[in-house]
Amino acid sequence: MRAPIAFITLITLAAGAALPLPAVAAVDEVGIPSRAGVWAPAVEAMPADAGVVSDVTIRHVVYASAGGSAPRVRVSNLYGTAPLVVGHVDLAEQSLGGVAKTGSHHRLTFGGADTVTVPAGAERFSDPAVMTVTAGQNLLISVYVRENPGVVTAHRHALMNTYVSVPGDHADDDSSADFPGRRGSWYYLSGLDLLGPVAGGTIVAFGDSLTDGYSSTPLTNRRYPDYLARRLDAVRGGAKRTVVNAGIASNRVLRDSTGSTGGGLSALNRFEHDALSHENVRSVIVFEGVNDITGDATAAQLQEGYQRLADLAHQRGVTVYGATILPFGGFAAHNPAREAVRQQVNDWIRAGNAFDGYFDFDAKVCDPADRTRLRADYAHSDSLHLTDAGMSALADTVDLFALGTGPRQLPVTPCWA
């Protein structure tokens, strides 16, 4: 078993203990550019939407977690039952809302062609665009859907407005006047990567609604991975790390959640695609399990699931960190038996099982007066999810040194200390 790095108490690796190899040969030291993911929504199957049909353009607002050049977009028909025919993909800088900055449009090609047909169950990368992207910049990706594949591949909770046009190709319109429709999901897209100035690699934040950002302020990029990306971008010198958010609201580690309310494939069934398929993945932060606990999974079942996720990452040479499960006392599904499971799982993570290290999110955000509950200023009204301040607190808990950049930070002082 790998010796873990704990971020309440740091544990030194024993002599001879192996650190995982990087997913791609490390070239940080010499500054050779390589690709890294900067936006990559985890997708799931959604029913055909009456406003997202054939012969419409869908304009998405996406947040670049880091800067670089030569952006590529990944078009996804992962859950489609028929081919997805895309007639035009445009990448532009956002001016305001669905309005593009004049002169910023870049028509993306696929093997030199303007159009691409993506078979059911497949994805396609565009060719790189001649364009520079700034860290923290909102971009517009407009997709003209010539033929809809029936079942829609989408990320359900974008926390951004998505604009749907009147019939026709409006991908390179500056104005949003011909985009009267509004949606809250991202459609047919599963990634944006860049060529970076230093090959620092990609950090994948993997989880459920707490990673997805549910309850954070919409339109403001205040999910915990967004705050983490801004911390990483502020590091001066050394390797640059990017962040992609692979959270899906209602997701579980052990069981698929494919009903009308979403949740997607289980962590076990989606981990290889959603966590390990991105460019130059160096580390994954696994932060989920509360939805399994409210579904009465046992601690032993969750522990086995985490071990399987860690094994998948290690087979690819990727470092994987666990995160302790947050308190949810006061939430409708909380009870003493489920609280006991949460505590057992967290103790197991802290003991150094499965993961290469852990971030003690629980210790950071619990209420000093009652550790079964979230601290008041971090708690959303449902007592399960987080405010923006709570999202920021999670990001502050992540030791950037453990991710290979930035100075080592002081351990978290637990709320119960």
Foldseek 3Di string as FASTA:
>chain_A
DAFAQAQQDGDDGDPPHDAFAFLDHFDQVVQDWDKAFFEFEAKFWAFDDPQPFAQKKKKDKDWGLAKAFQKKWKFDLQAFPAKWKWQWKWKAFDDDARAGDPPGIWTWAFVNHSIDIAGHNGMGMTGGTGDIDHHGTIMMIMIRTNGDRGTWIKAQAQLGWMFMFDGHDCNPPRDSPRGPDTHRMGTRTGTMMHTHRGLQYEEEEAEECLLVVPQERRPPQLRLLSLLSVVQNPFPDTGGYHYYGHYHHLEALPAADRDNVDHGGHCLVCVCPSPPPTPRAAEYEYAYHLSVLLVPDALVVVLVSLLSSLVVCSVSSHAYEYEQHAAQPQAPSDDPVSLVRSVVNRVCSSVRPRHNYYFYLLQQFAALVDSNFGHPQQADPNRRYGYSVSSNSSSVRDQVVVSPGDDGDHRRHGSPD
